[in-house]
């Protein structure tokens, strides 16, 4: 009796192997369970209409004379 060949499949997002038990239920899966759940969460947030504020970082140049006088 020949051993049953297992189909190896890898996630198209992270590259991790998709376990055979997941492939048994979803034979055409291209994402692992973790990446699939991340994608669903992204879609929920994106389509919810909630505006998420973007962080803005303002860089202020320092005066080199001020730095030298503080070091002394």
Protein backbone atom coordinates (compact mmCIF):
# COMPACT_ATOMS: atom_id res chain seq x y z
CA UNK A 1 0.00 0.00 0.00
CA UNK A 2 1.45 3.35 -1.06
CA UNK A 3 1.52 6.22 1.43
CA UNK A 4 -1.03 8.88 0.65
CA UNK A 5 0.63 11.94 -0.84
CA UNK A 6 -0.10 15.16 0.96
CA UNK A 7 -0.59 18.35 -0.94
CA UNK A 8 1.69 21.11 0.26
CA UNK A 9 0.36 24.59 -0.10
CA UNK A 10 1.79 27.88 1.08
CA UNK A 11 0.14 31.15 2.05
CA UNK A 12 0.36 33.74 -0.71
CA UNK A 13 0.75 36.54 1.87
CA UNK A 14 3.20 35.31 4.52
CA UNK A 15 4.64 32.20 2.87
CA UNK A 16 3.86 29.85 5.76
CA UNK A 17 2.67 26.35 4.99
CA UNK A 18 -1.11 25.90 5.07
CA UNK A 19 -1.75 22.80 7.20
CA UNK A 20 -3.28 19.79 5.41
CA UNK A 21 -6.29 19.76 7.76
CA UNK A 22 -7.18 23.29 6.61
CA UNK A 23 -6.74 22.28 2.98
CA UNK A 24 -9.09 19.35 3.53
CA UNK A 25 -11.96 21.78 4.15
CA UNK A 26 -10.78 24.55 1.83
CA UNK A 27 -8.83 22.88 -0.99
CA UNK A 28 -8.39 26.11 -2.98
CA UNK A 29 -7.19 28.21 -0.05
CA UNK A 30 -4.43 30.65 -0.89
CA UNK A 31 -4.13 32.20 2.60
CA UNK A 32 -3.35 30.61 5.96
CA UNK A 33 -5.96 31.02 8.70
CA UNK A 34 -4.06 33.89 10.35
CA UNK A 35 -3.72 35.93 7.15
CA UNK A 36 -7.33 35.18 6.19
CA UNK A 37 -8.55 36.51 9.54
CA UNK A 38 -6.34 39.59 9.18
CA UNK A 39 -7.87 40.22 5.75
CA UNK A 40 -11.39 39.91 7.17
CA UNK A 41 -10.59 42.36 9.98
CA UNK A 42 -9.15 44.83 7.48
CA UNK A 43 -12.29 44.62 5.35
CA UNK A 44 -14.51 45.10 8.42
CA UNK A 45 -12.58 48.20 9.48
CA UNK A 46 -12.27 49.59 5.95
CA UNK A 47 -15.97 49.17 5.13
CA UNK A 48 -17.28 50.27 8.52
CA UNK A 49 -17.00 53.95 7.59
CA UNK A 50 -15.11 54.81 10.78
CA UNK A 51 -12.50 57.44 10.15
CA UNK A 52 -9.26 56.56 11.90
CA UNK A 53 -7.09 59.64 12.44
CA UNK A 54 -3.64 59.44 10.92
CA UNK A 55 -0.73 60.25 13.17
CA UNK A 56 1.19 63.31 12.07
CA UNK A 57 4.76 63.76 13.22
CA UNK A 58 6.26 67.22 12.95
CA UNK A 59 10.04 67.48 13.03
CA UNK A 60 11.42 70.73 14.38
CA UNK A 61 15.05 71.51 13.52
CA UNK A 62 17.17 72.32 16.54
CA UNK A 63 19.53 75.26 16.65
CA UNK A 64 23.13 73.87 16.72
CA UNK A 65 24.27 76.80 18.92
CA UNK A 66 21.66 75.85 21.53
CA UNK A 67 22.89 72.23 21.61
CA UNK A 68 26.54 73.29 22.06
CA UNK A 69 25.76 75.66 24.93
CA UNK A 70 23.73 72.94 26.73
CA UNK A 71 26.60 70.44 26.44
CA UNK A 72 29.10 72.73 28.21
